[in-house]
Amino acid sequence: MKKIIAAFDGLKFSKATRDYAIQIARENSAHLVGVFLDDPLYHSYKVYDLISEEGGISDAKQKKFLEIDARARDAAAADFEAACQKAGLQFSVRRNKDIATQGLLQESIYADMLIICSNETFTHYEEKIPTRFIRDILSEVQCPVLVVPPHYKPFNKLVLLFDGEPSSVYAIKMFSYMLPALKEHPSEVLSVKPMGQSMHLPDNKLMKEFMKRHFPKAAYKVLKGLPETEIVNFLKASKGFPLVVLGAYRRGMVSRWFRASMADVLMRELKMPVFIAHN
């Protein structure tokens, strides 16, 4: 049985992460672990909220805010547990009290897949998607990741991005191995090539031979132009609601177009779940 972890900020509980995680775990008979990152340095309050009328830090105010945070985190964990019980899942809940980034990266070593919302920050501040926290996690994570949008919407098709590089094939392999039940959804392999090149897939024969064993009913689409533009336009115009698969997020890796910015563009421009795996 595969182990899927879903990462949560108990102070800003993501129902989208909960619902996507339950859908994925249920369809693939996986054990789901809700990892609540109770970072001891992260609170709902700001320092100036603790200032007393006399001008110093009020211990009473701090104690009150800490109690409020503790109740919020407990309520979030209870919500997740109740939803998993209702769905009939095998699940567990873990309260990780390390620094959020450090704790989640450590958890990822012992997980088959991580599910996390694209807008997680573990700060008081709103940030543009993808946030610094998400970028840091994706750069160092030790398992495939499903980055989900802030609002849950069930996907009903798969779009597999392929540029002929080993990293893109690796991502498709990992998706196939990790989430075999999802291969029942209609799937399409999408490639983008520069103007002036043929409309054939890179490594056409080898790729189709590979796909025949993993996604035998997959369709193929080759576009011309800039990948960041053509892929976004294609997905925006796509009928249905796709889950997108791509590879190579790790900083410094060389790829013709599956570089860090490609994943950033997809998360920023499209409110769709994105499966990311790098080898």
Foldseek 3Di string as FASTA:
>chain_A
DFEEEEEAALLDGQVQSLVVQLVQCLLQVYEYEYEHAQAVVFFLDDQVQQQDPVGDGHPVSVVVRVVVSVVSSVVSQVVSVVVCVVSVHNYYYHYHHHHRLVRVQVVQQVHQEYEYEQQDDSHNDGDAGNYPSVLSCVQRHDHKYKYAYRDHDDFQEAEQEDAQDPFSVVQLVSCLVPRVSNLVGAYEYEYEDEPPDDQAHHVNVVVLVVCCVRNVRYHYDYHYDACLPVVLVCQVPDPTAYEYTGEEDHPPDDDPHRYVVSVRSCRRRDNHIYIYYYD
